[in-house]
Amino acid sequence: MPPRSPFRFLAPGALLAAIVAVLLVVSAGGDEEEPTAPSAATRTSTTAAEPRRAFYRVRAGDSLAAIASRFGVSVERLTELNPEIDPQVLQAGQRLRLRR
């Protein structure tokens, strides 16, 4: 039986490197016009609301309740400030008013 070639690890290694590169690119991408929020680890309190901003751009997977909780605003207040939105059908890219 001939000795095994060390190159047999090349294809799986290249595949792993490609997956890591894609994950890094995807995680680095985002909404360029709004700064990213600090992670929970960098906040001084885990219950602290996001910094007070006037607007928020909806991201994929967001719900009105989650946005309200994140910014310390009630769902009722968000619907009052944004009468044109349908709370059941938020779309990524929509701009929500958080305060006046």
PDB file of N, CA and C in Angstrom:
ATOM      1  N   MET A   1       0.845  -1.181   0.000  1.00  0.00           N
ATOM      2  CA  MET A   1       0.000   0.000   0.000  1.00  0.00           C
ATOM      3  C   MET A   1       0.892   1.246   0.000  1.00  0.00           C
ATOM      4  N   PRO A   2       0.684   2.170  -0.965  1.00  0.00           N
ATOM      5  CA  PRO A   2       1.523   3.365  -1.044  1.00  0.00           C
ATOM      6  C   PRO A   2       1.243   4.306   0.131  1.00  0.00           C
ATOM      7  N   PRO A   3       2.253   5.094   0.520  1.00  0.00           N
ATOM      8  CA  PRO A   3       2.047   6.031   1.633  1.00  0.00           C
ATOM      9  C   PRO A   3       1.001   7.091   1.255  1.00  0.00           C
ATOM     10  N   ARG A   4       0.251   7.545   2.244  1.00  0.00           N
ATOM     11  CA  ARG A   4      -0.795   8.540   1.997  1.00  0.00           C
ATOM     12  C   ARG A   4      -0.175   9.919   1.813  1.00  0.00           C
ATOM     13  N   SER A   5      -0.752  10.648   0.905  1.00  0.00           N
ATOM     14  CA  SER A   5      -0.251  11.979   0.597  1.00  0.00           C
ATOM     15  C   SER A   5      -0.773  12.996   1.619  1.00  0.00           C
ATOM     16  N   PRO A   6       0.090  13.911   2.057  1.00  0.00           N
ATOM     17  CA  PRO A   6      -0.382  14.961   2.986  1.00  0.00           C
ATOM     18  C   PRO A   6      -1.340  15.939   2.301  1.00  0.00           C
ATOM     19  N   PHE A   7      -1.427  15.886   0.967  1.00  0.00           N
ATOM     20  CA  PHE A   7      -2.317  16.797   0.239  1.00  0.00           C
ATOM     21  C   PHE A   7      -3.794  16.423   0.413  1.00  0.00           C
ATOM     22  N   ARG A   8      -4.063  15.267   1.026  1.00  0.00           N
ATOM     23  CA  ARG A   8      -5.457  14.852   1.209  1.00  0.00           C
ATOM     24  C   ARG A   8      -6.185  15.799   2.162  1.00  0.00           C
ATOM     25  N   PHE A   9      -5.442  16.605   2.921  1.00  0.00           N
ATOM     26  CA  PHE A   9      -6.053  17.567   3.835  1.00  0.00           C
ATOM     27  C   PHE A   9      -6.276  18.926   3.168  1.00  0.00           C
ATOM     28  N   LEU A  10      -5.779  19.089   1.970  1.00  0.00           N
ATOM     29  CA  LEU A  10      -5.868  20.381   1.286  1.00  0.00           C
ATOM     30  C   LEU A  10      -7.303  20.780   0.964  1.00  0.00           C
ATOM     31  N   ALA A  11      -8.098  19.907   0.403  1.00  0.00           N
ATOM     32  CA  ALA A  11      -9.477  20.249   0.022  1.00  0.00           C
ATOM     33  C   ALA A  11     -10.348  20.576   1.238  1.00  0.00           C
ATOM     34  N   PRO A  12     -10.349  19.744   2.290  1.00  0.00           N
ATOM     35  CA  PRO A  12     -11.150  20.118   3.465  1.00  0.00           C
ATOM     36  C   PRO A  12     -10.654  21.412   4.122  1.00  0.00           C
ATOM     37  N   GLY A  13      -9.360  21.619   4.122  1.00  0.00           N
ATOM     38  CA  GLY A  13      -8.814  22.859   4.689  1.00  0.00           C
ATOM     39  C   GLY A  13      -9.234  24.086   3.891  1.00  0.00           C
ATOM     40  N   ALA A  14      -9.216  23.957   2.559  1.00  0.00           N
ATOM     41  CA  ALA A  14      -9.646  25.065   1.704  1.00  0.00           C
ATOM     42  C   ALA A  14     -11.131  25.352   1.900  1.00  0.00           C
ATOM     43  N   LEU A  15     -11.933  24.301   2.049  1.00  0.00           N
ATOM     44  CA  LEU A  15     -13.367  24.478   2.282  1.00  0.00           C
ATOM     45  C   LEU A  15     -13.603  25.184   3.616  1.00  0.00           C
ATOM     46  N   LEU A  16     -12.913  24.784   4.641  1.00  0.00           N
ATOM     47  CA  LEU A  16     -13.043  25.423   5.944  1.00  0.00           C
ATOM     48  C   LEU A  16     -12.619  26.889   5.876  1.00  0.00           C
ATOM     49  N   ALA A  17     -11.532  27.188   5.189  1.00  0.00           N
ATOM     50  CA  ALA A  17     -11.071  28.573   5.041  1.00  0.00           C
ATOM     51  C   ALA A  17     -12.105  29.409   4.292  1.00  0.00           C
ATOM     52  N   ALA A  18     -12.734  28.849   3.272  1.00  0.00           N
ATOM     53  CA  ALA A  18     -13.756  29.575   2.506  1.00  0.00           C
ATOM     54  C   ALA A  18     -14.972  29.866   3.376  1.00  0.00           C
ATOM     55  N   ILE A  19     -15.396  28.904   4.187  1.00  0.00           N
ATOM     56  CA  ILE A  19     -16.544  29.106   5.077  1.00  0.00           C
ATOM     57  C   ILE A  19     -16.245  30.197   6.094  1.00  0.00           C
ATOM     58  N   VAL A  20     -15.060  30.165   6.691  1.00  0.00           N
ATOM     59  CA  VAL A  20     -14.674  31.191   7.663  1.00  0.00           C
ATOM     60  C   VAL A  20     -14.643  32.565   7.000  1.00  0.00           C
ATOM     61  N   ALA A  21     -14.120  32.653   5.788  1.00  0.00           N
ATOM     62  CA  ALA A  21     -14.053  33.932   5.079  1.00  0.00           C
ATOM     63  C   ALA A  21     -15.451  34.483   4.804  1.00  0.00           C
ATOM     64  N   VAL A  22     -16.367  33.615   4.382  1.00  0.00           N
ATOM     65  CA  VAL A  22     -17.751  34.057   4.123  1.00  0.00           C
ATOM     66  C   VAL A  22     -18.391  34.543   5.414  1.00  0.00           C
ATOM     67  N   LEU A  23     -18.216  33.819   6.490  1.00  0.00           N
ATOM     68  CA  LEU A  23     -18.794  34.235   7.773  1.00  0.00           C
ATOM     69  C   LEU A  23     -18.238  35.579   8.235  1.00  0.00           C
ATOM     70  N   LEU A  24     -16.964  35.803   8.041  1.00  0.00           N
ATOM     71  CA  LEU A  24     -16.366  37.079   8.422  1.00  0.00           C
ATOM     72  C   LEU A  24     -16.917  38.233   7.589  1.00  0.00           C
ATOM     73  N   VAL A  25     -17.089  38.016   6.306  1.00  0.00           N
ATOM     74  CA  VAL A  25     -17.619  39.054   5.429  1.00  0.00           C
ATOM     75  C   VAL A  25     -19.068  39.361   5.779  1.00  0.00           C
ATOM     76  N   VAL A  26     -19.863  38.320   6.017  1.00  0.00           N
ATOM     77  CA  VAL A  26     -21.268  38.520   6.353  1.00  0.00           C
ATOM     78  C   VAL A  26     -21.404  39.226   7.689  1.00  0.00           C
ATOM     79  N   SER A  27     -20.629  38.844   8.680  1.00  0.00           N
ATOM     80  CA  SER A  27     -20.748  39.478   9.998  1.00  0.00           C
ATOM     81  C   SER A  27     -20.217  40.902   9.990  1.00  0.00           C
ATOM     82  N   ALA A  28     -19.291  41.227   9.101  1.00  0.00           N
ATOM     83  CA  ALA A  28     -18.763  42.583   9.031  1.00  0.00           C
ATOM     84  C   ALA A  28     -19.692  43.514   8.263  1.00  0.00           C
ATOM     85  N   GLY A  29     -20.526  42.965   7.376  1.00  0.00           N
ATOM     86  CA  GLY A  29     -21.462  43.786   6.615  1.00  0.00           C
ATOM     87  C   GLY A  29     -22.584  44.251   7.512  1.00  0.00           C
ATOM     88  N   GLY A  30     -23.287  45.302   7.072  1.00  0.00           N
ATOM     89  CA  GLY A  30     -24.404  45.779   7.875  1.00  0.00           C
ATOM     90  C   GLY A  30     -24.928  47.068   7.328  1.00  0.00           C
ATOM     91  N   ASP A  31     -25.713  47.718   8.142  1.00  0.00           N
ATOM     92  CA  ASP A  31     -26.329  48.984   7.776  1.00  0.00           C
ATOM     93  C   ASP A  31     -25.283  50.086   7.907  1.00  0.00           C
ATOM     94  N   GLU A  32     -24.829  50.626   6.790  1.00  0.00           N
ATOM     95  CA  GLU A  32     -23.734  51.583   6.818  1.00  0.00           C
ATOM     96  C   GLU A  32     -24.156  52.972   7.260  1.00  0.00           C
ATOM     97  N   GLU A  33     -25.425  53.319   7.144  1.00  0.00           N
ATOM     98  CA  GLU A  33     -25.814  54.677   7.470  1.00  0.00           C
ATOM     99  C   GLU A  33     -26.100  54.879   8.946  1.00  0.00           C
ATOM    100  N   GLU A  34     -26.231  53.796   9.710  1.00  0.00           N
ATOM    101  CA  GLU A  34     -26.452  53.906  11.140  1.00  0.00           C
ATOM    102  C   GLU A  34     -25.349  53.152  11.859  1.00  0.00           C
ATOM    103  N   PRO A  35     -24.821  53.721  12.948  1.00  0.00           N
ATOM    104  CA  PRO A  35     -23.771  53.016  13.675  1.00  0.00           C
ATOM    105  C   PRO A  35     -24.328  51.765  14.330  1.00  0.00           C
ATOM    106  N   THR A  36     -23.478  50.764  14.481  1.00  0.00           N
ATOM    107  CA  THR A  36     -23.925  49.541  15.121  1.00  0.00           C
ATOM    108  C   THR A  36     -24.045  49.772  16.617  1.00  0.00           C
ATOM    109  N   ALA A  37     -24.974  49.096  17.222  1.00  0.00           N
ATOM    110  CA  ALA A  37     -25.196  49.219  18.657  1.00  0.00           C
ATOM    111  C   ALA A  37     -24.123  48.428  19.394  1.00  0.00           C
ATOM    112  N   PRO A  38     -23.747  48.870  20.589  1.00  0.00           N
ATOM    113  CA  PRO A  38     -22.757  48.118  21.350  1.00  0.00           C
ATOM    114  C   PRO A  38     -23.318  46.764  21.756  1.00  0.00           C
ATOM    115  N   SER A  39     -22.452  45.783  21.836  1.00  0.00           N
ATOM    116  CA  SER A  39     -22.895  44.449  22.230  1.00  0.00           C
ATOM    117  C   SER A  39     -23.243  44.447  23.708  1.00  0.00           C
ATOM    118  N   ALA A  40     -23.925  43.410  24.139  1.00  0.00           N
ATOM    119  CA  ALA A  40     -24.319  43.309  25.541  1.00  0.00           C
ATOM    120  C   ALA A  40     -23.099  43.279  26.454  1.00  0.00           C
ATOM    121  N   ALA A  41     -21.986  42.739  25.953  1.00  0.00           N
ATOM    122  CA  ALA A  41     -20.780  42.655  26.773  1.00  0.00           C
ATOM    123  C   ALA A  41     -20.154  44.025  27.017  1.00  0.00           C
ATOM    124  N   THR A  42     -20.374  44.986  26.123  1.00  0.00           N
ATOM    125  CA  THR A  42     -19.760  46.299  26.298  1.00  0.00           C
ATOM    126  C   THR A  42     -20.650  47.275  27.038  1.00  0.00           C
ATOM    127  N   ARG A  43     -21.888  46.906  27.286  1.00  0.00           N
ATOM    128  CA  ARG A  43     -22.780  47.774  28.035  1.00  0.00           C
ATOM    129  C   ARG A  43     -22.475  47.671  29.511  1.00  0.00           C
ATOM    130  N   THR A  44     -22.766  48.745  30.242  1.00  0.00           N
ATOM    131  CA  THR A  44     -22.536  48.710  31.681  1.00  0.00           C
ATOM    132  C   THR A  44     -23.658  47.974  32.396  1.00  0.00           C
ATOM    133  N   SER A  45     -24.842  47.979  31.815  1.00  0.00           N
ATOM    134  CA  SER A  45     -25.978  47.288  32.412  1.00  0.00           C
ATOM    135  C   SER A  45     -26.664  46.472  31.332  1.00  0.00           C
ATOM    136  N   THR A  46     -27.057  45.262  31.660  1.00  0.00           N
ATOM    137  CA  THR A  46     -27.706  44.423  30.659  1.00  0.00           C
ATOM    138  C   THR A  46     -29.138  44.863  30.386  1.00  0.00           C
ATOM    139  N   THR A  47     -29.726  45.664  31.264  1.00  0.00           N
ATOM    140  CA  THR A  47     -31.098  46.111  31.052  1.00  0.00           C
ATOM    141  C   THR A  47     -31.157  47.521  30.475  1.00  0.00           C
ATOM    142  N   ALA A  48     -30.019  48.145  30.242  1.00  0.00           N
ATOM    143  CA  ALA A  48     -29.995  49.506  29.708  1.00  0.00           C
ATOM    144  C   ALA A  48     -30.518  49.519  28.280  1.00  0.00           C
ATOM    145  N   ALA A  49     -31.295  50.546  27.964  1.00  0.00           N
ATOM    146  CA  ALA A  49     -31.830  50.683  26.606  1.00  0.00           C
ATOM    147  C   ALA A  49     -30.740  51.211  25.684  1.00  0.00           C
ATOM    148  N   GLU A  50     -30.968  51.070  24.402  1.00  0.00           N
ATOM    149  CA  GLU A  50     -30.048  51.590  23.393  1.00  0.00           C
ATOM    150  C   GLU A  50     -29.937  53.108  23.562  1.00  0.00           C
ATOM    151  N   PRO A  51     -28.892  53.706  23.000  1.00  0.00           N
ATOM    152  CA  PRO A  51     -28.785  55.154  23.037  1.00  0.00           C
ATOM    153  C   PRO A  51     -30.009  55.789  22.389  1.00  0.00           C
ATOM    154  N   ARG A  52     -30.389  56.962  22.875  1.00  0.00           N
ATOM    155  CA  ARG A  52     -31.587  57.613  22.354  1.00  0.00           C
ATOM    156  C   ARG A  52     -31.338  58.118  20.950  1.00  0.00           C
ATOM    157  N   ARG A  53     -32.009  57.470  20.011  1.00  0.00           N
ATOM    158  CA  ARG A  53     -31.953  57.881  18.616  1.00  0.00           C
ATOM    159  C   ARG A  53     -33.364  58.252  18.198  1.00  0.00           C
ATOM    160  N   ALA A  54     -33.458  59.072  17.179  1.00  0.00           N
ATOM    161  CA  ALA A  54     -34.766  59.494  16.696  1.00  0.00           C
ATOM    162  C   ALA A  54     -35.366  58.473  15.731  1.00  0.00           C
ATOM    163  N   PHE A  55     -34.516  57.734  15.004  1.00  0.00           N
ATOM    164  CA  PHE A  55     -35.003  56.788  14.007  1.00  0.00           C
ATOM    165  C   PHE A  55     -34.260  55.466  14.127  1.00  0.00           C
ATOM    166  N   TYR A  56     -34.890  54.426  13.601  1.00  0.00           N
ATOM    167  CA  TYR A  56     -34.280  53.095  13.557  1.00  0.00           C
ATOM    168  C   TYR A  56     -34.628  52.460  12.224  1.00  0.00           C
ATOM    169  N   ARG A  57     -33.661  51.834  11.585  1.00  0.00           N
ATOM    170  CA  ARG A  57     -33.881  51.130  10.328  1.00  0.00           C
ATOM    171  C   ARG A  57     -34.121  49.655  10.660  1.00  0.00           C
ATOM    172  N   VAL A  58     -35.280  49.124  10.263  1.00  0.00           N
ATOM    173  CA  VAL A  58     -35.680  47.751  10.566  1.00  0.00           C
ATOM    174  C   VAL A  58     -34.726  46.777   9.881  1.00  0.00           C
ATOM    175  N   ARG A  59     -34.327  45.757  10.623  1.00  0.00           N
ATOM    176  CA  ARG A  59     -33.469  44.699  10.093  1.00  0.00           C
ATOM    177  C   ARG A  59     -34.288  43.425   9.958  1.00  0.00           C
ATOM    178  N   ALA A  60     -33.807  42.505   9.157  1.00  0.00           N
ATOM    179  CA  ALA A  60     -34.490  41.227   8.967  1.00  0.00           C
ATOM    180  C   ALA A  60     -34.652  40.529  10.315  1.00  0.00           C
ATOM    181  N   GLY A  61     -35.855  40.046  10.588  1.00  0.00           N
ATOM    182  CA  GLY A  61     -36.123  39.331  11.834  1.00  0.00           C
ATOM    183  C   GLY A  61     -36.594  40.211  12.972  1.00  0.00           C
ATOM    184  N   ASP A  62     -36.592  41.528  12.806  1.00  0.00           N
ATOM    185  CA  ASP A  62     -37.056  42.429  13.850  1.00  0.00           C
ATOM    186  C   ASP A  62     -38.566  42.328  14.021  1.00  0.00           C
ATOM    187  N   SER A  63     -39.021  42.521  15.238  1.00  0.00           N
ATOM    188  CA  SER A  63     -40.449  42.654  15.515  1.00  0.00           C
ATOM    189  C   SER A  63     -40.642  43.978  16.234  1.00  0.00           C
ATOM    190  N   LEU A  64     -41.852  44.491  16.200  1.00  0.00           N
ATOM    191  CA  LEU A  64     -42.121  45.769  16.850  1.00  0.00           C
ATOM    192  C   LEU A  64     -41.876  45.665  18.358  1.00  0.00           C
ATOM    193  N   ALA A  65     -42.254  44.543  18.946  1.00  0.00           N
ATOM    194  CA  ALA A  65     -42.044  44.346  20.381  1.00  0.00           C
ATOM    195  C   ALA A  65     -40.554  44.329  20.728  1.00  0.00           C
ATOM    196  N   ALA A  66     -39.750  43.676  19.904  1.00  0.00           N
ATOM    197  CA  ALA A  66     -38.307  43.608  20.158  1.00  0.00           C
ATOM    198  C   ALA A  66     -37.664  44.989  20.023  1.00  0.00           C
ATOM    199  N   ILE A  67     -38.100  45.744  19.021  1.00  0.00           N
ATOM    200  CA  ILE A  67     -37.567  47.095  18.827  1.00  0.00           C
ATOM    201  C   ILE A  67     -37.970  47.981  20.003  1.00  0.00           C
ATOM    202  N   ALA A  68     -39.227  47.870  20.428  1.00  0.00           N
ATOM    203  CA  ALA A  68     -39.709  48.662  21.561  1.00  0.00           C
ATOM    204  C   ALA A  68     -38.904  48.345  22.813  1.00  0.00           C
ATOM    205  N   SER A  69     -38.674  47.071  23.064  1.00  0.00           N
ATOM    206  CA  SER A  69     -37.899  46.665  24.235  1.00  0.00           C
ATOM    207  C   SER A  69     -36.457  47.152  24.141  1.00  0.00           C
ATOM    208  N   ARG A  70     -35.885  47.054  22.972  1.00  0.00           N
ATOM    209  CA  ARG A  70     -34.484  47.433  22.767  1.00  0.00           C
ATOM    210  C   ARG A  70     -34.237  48.916  23.024  1.00  0.00           C
ATOM    211  N   PHE A  71     -35.215  49.750  22.669  1.00  0.00           N
ATOM    212  CA  PHE A  71     -35.028  51.191  22.802  1.00  0.00           C
ATOM    213  C   PHE A  71     -35.812  51.795  23.962  1.00  0.00           C
ATOM    214  N   GLY A  72     -36.450  50.981  24.783  1.00  0.00           N
ATOM    215  CA  GLY A  72     -37.151  51.480  25.955  1.00  0.00           C
ATOM    216  C   GLY A  72     -38.379  52.309  25.614  1.00  0.00           C
ATOM    217  N   VAL A  73     -39.085  51.915  24.556  1.00  0.00           N
ATOM    218  CA  VAL A  73     -40.286  52.605  24.108  1.00  0.00           C
ATOM    219  C   VAL A  73     -41.403  51.573  24.082  1.00  0.00           C
ATOM    220  N   SER A  74     -42.619  51.980  24.387  1.00  0.00           N
ATOM    221  CA  SER A  74     -43.723  51.027  24.343  1.00  0.00           C
ATOM    222  C   SER A  74     -44.141  50.765  22.896  1.00  0.00           C
ATOM    223  N   VAL A  75     -44.750  49.608  22.672  1.00  0.00           N
ATOM    224  CA  VAL A  75     -45.246  49.268  21.344  1.00  0.00           C
ATOM    225  C   VAL A  75     -46.323  50.276  20.934  1.00  0.00           C
ATOM    226  N   GLU A  76     -47.151  50.662  21.879  1.00  0.00           N
ATOM    227  CA  GLU A  76     -48.200  51.642  21.598  1.00  0.00           C
ATOM    228  C   GLU A  76     -47.597  52.965  21.128  1.00  0.00           C
ATOM    229  N   ARG A  77     -46.519  53.388  21.772  1.00  0.00           N
ATOM    230  CA  ARG A  77     -45.869  54.649  21.388  1.00  0.00           C
ATOM    231  C   ARG A  77     -45.282  54.537  19.983  1.00  0.00           C
ATOM    232  N   LEU A  78     -44.684  53.393  19.659  1.00  0.00           N
ATOM    233  CA  LEU A  78     -44.136  53.203  18.317  1.00  0.00           C
ATOM    234  C   LEU A  78     -45.232  53.254  17.258  1.00  0.00           C
ATOM    235  N   THR A  79     -46.367  52.617  17.534  1.00  0.00           N
ATOM    236  CA  THR A  79     -47.460  52.665  16.550  1.00  0.00           C
ATOM    237  C   THR A  79     -48.055  54.068  16.450  1.00  0.00           C
ATOM    238  N   GLU A  80     -48.027  54.795  17.546  1.00  0.00           N
ATOM    239  CA  GLU A  80     -48.504  56.186  17.531  1.00  0.00           C
ATOM    240  C   GLU A  80     -47.564  57.077  16.707  1.00  0.00           C
ATOM    241  N   LEU A  81     -46.268  56.857  16.849  1.00  0.00           N
ATOM    242  CA  LEU A  81     -45.280  57.656  16.124  1.00  0.00           C
ATOM    243  C   LEU A  81     -45.170  57.255  14.654  1.00  0.00           C
ATOM    244  N   ASN A  82     -45.587  56.043  14.329  1.00  0.00           N
ATOM    245  CA  ASN A  82     -45.473  55.509  12.963  1.00  0.00           C
ATOM    246  C   ASN A  82     -46.816  54.969  12.492  1.00  0.00           C
ATOM    247  N   PRO A  83     -47.799  55.844  12.271  1.00  0.00           N
ATOM    248  CA  PRO A  83     -49.136  55.359  11.895  1.00  0.00           C
ATOM    249  C   PRO A  83     -49.173  54.670  10.532  1.00  0.00           C
ATOM    250  N   GLU A  84     -48.178  54.906   9.692  1.00  0.00           N
ATOM    251  CA  GLU A  84     -48.182  54.326   8.348  1.00  0.00           C
ATOM    252  C   GLU A  84     -47.680  52.888   8.304  1.00  0.00           C
ATOM    253  N   ILE A  85     -47.124  52.377   9.394  1.00  0.00           N
ATOM    254  CA  ILE A  85     -46.593  51.019   9.371  1.00  0.00           C
ATOM    255  C   ILE A  85     -47.642  50.007   9.818  1.00  0.00           C
ATOM    256  N   ASP A  86     -47.484  48.788   9.331  1.00  0.00           N
ATOM    257  CA  ASP A  86     -48.301  47.667   9.781  1.00  0.00           C
ATOM    258  C   ASP A  86     -47.438  46.878  10.761  1.00  0.00           C
ATOM    259  N   PRO A  87     -47.770  46.891  12.053  1.00  0.00           N
ATOM    260  CA  PRO A  87     -46.925  46.219  13.050  1.00  0.00           C
ATOM    261  C   PRO A  87     -46.750  44.725  12.797  1.00  0.00           C
ATOM    262  N   GLN A  88     -47.671  44.121  12.069  1.00  0.00           N
ATOM    263  CA  GLN A  88     -47.590  42.686  11.792  1.00  0.00           C
ATOM    264  C   GLN A  88     -46.667  42.370  10.619  1.00  0.00           C
ATOM    265  N   VAL A  89     -46.375  43.373   9.783  1.00  0.00           N
ATOM    266  CA  VAL A  89     -45.599  43.135   8.564  1.00  0.00           C
ATOM    267  C   VAL A  89     -44.482  44.167   8.456  1.00  0.00           C
ATOM    268  N   LEU A  90     -43.498  44.079   9.328  1.00  0.00           N
ATOM    269  CA  LEU A  90     -42.339  44.960   9.217  1.00  0.00           C
ATOM    270  C   LEU A  90     -41.429  44.424   8.125  1.00  0.00           C
ATOM    271  N   GLN A  91     -40.853  45.330   7.354  1.00  0.00           N
ATOM    272  CA  GLN A  91     -39.956  44.926   6.280  1.00  0.00           C
ATOM    273  C   GLN A  91     -38.576  45.496   6.541  1.00  0.00           C
ATOM    274  N   ALA A  92     -37.560  44.694   6.263  1.00  0.00           N
ATOM    275  CA  ALA A  92     -36.183  45.157   6.427  1.00  0.00           C
ATOM    276  C   ALA A  92     -35.989  46.401   5.584  1.00  0.00           C
ATOM    277  N   GLY A  93     -35.391  47.420   6.182  1.00  0.00           N
ATOM    278  CA  GLY A  93     -35.148  48.673   5.482  1.00  0.00           C
ATOM    279  C   GLY A  93     -36.135  49.766   5.837  1.00  0.00           C
ATOM    280  N   GLN A  94     -37.282  49.401   6.433  1.00  0.00           N
ATOM    281  CA  GLN A  94     -38.239  50.427   6.842  1.00  0.00           C
ATOM    282  C   GLN A  94     -37.608  51.306   7.908  1.00  0.00           C
ATOM    283  N   ARG A  95     -37.964  52.575   7.892  1.00  0.00           N
ATOM    284  CA  ARG A  95     -37.436  53.527   8.864  1.00  0.00           C
ATOM    285  C   ARG A  95     -38.530  53.831   9.878  1.00  0.00           C
ATOM    286  N   LEU A  96     -38.230  53.586  11.153  1.00  0.00           N
ATOM    287  CA  LEU A  96     -39.193  53.834  12.220  1.00  0.00           C
ATOM    288  C   LEU A  96     -38.772  55.030  13.048  1.00  0.00           C
ATOM    289  N   ARG A  97     -39.722  55.863  13.369  1.00  0.00           N
ATOM    290  CA  ARG A  97     -39.477  56.982  14.294  1.00  0.00           C
ATOM    291  C   ARG A  97     -39.560  56.415  15.701  1.00  0.00           C
ATOM    292  N   LEU A  98     -38.554  56.709  16.526  1.00  0.00           N
ATOM    293  CA  LEU A  98     -38.520  56.231  17.898  1.00  0.00           C
ATOM    294  C   LEU A  98     -38.979  57.275  18.905  1.00  0.00           C
ATOM    295  N   ARG A  99     -38.797  58.532  18.564  1.00  0.00           N
ATOM    296  CA  ARG A  99     -39.214  59.633  19.433  1.00  0.00           C
ATOM    297  C   ARG A  99     -39.387  60.882  18.596  1.00  0.00           C
ATOM    298  N   ARG A 100     -40.020  61.853  19.161  1.00  0.00           N
ATOM    299  CA  ARG A 100     -40.221  63.133  18.461  1.00  0.00           C
ATOM    300  C   ARG A 100     -39.093  64.061  18.752  1.00  0.00           C
TER     301      ARG A 100
END
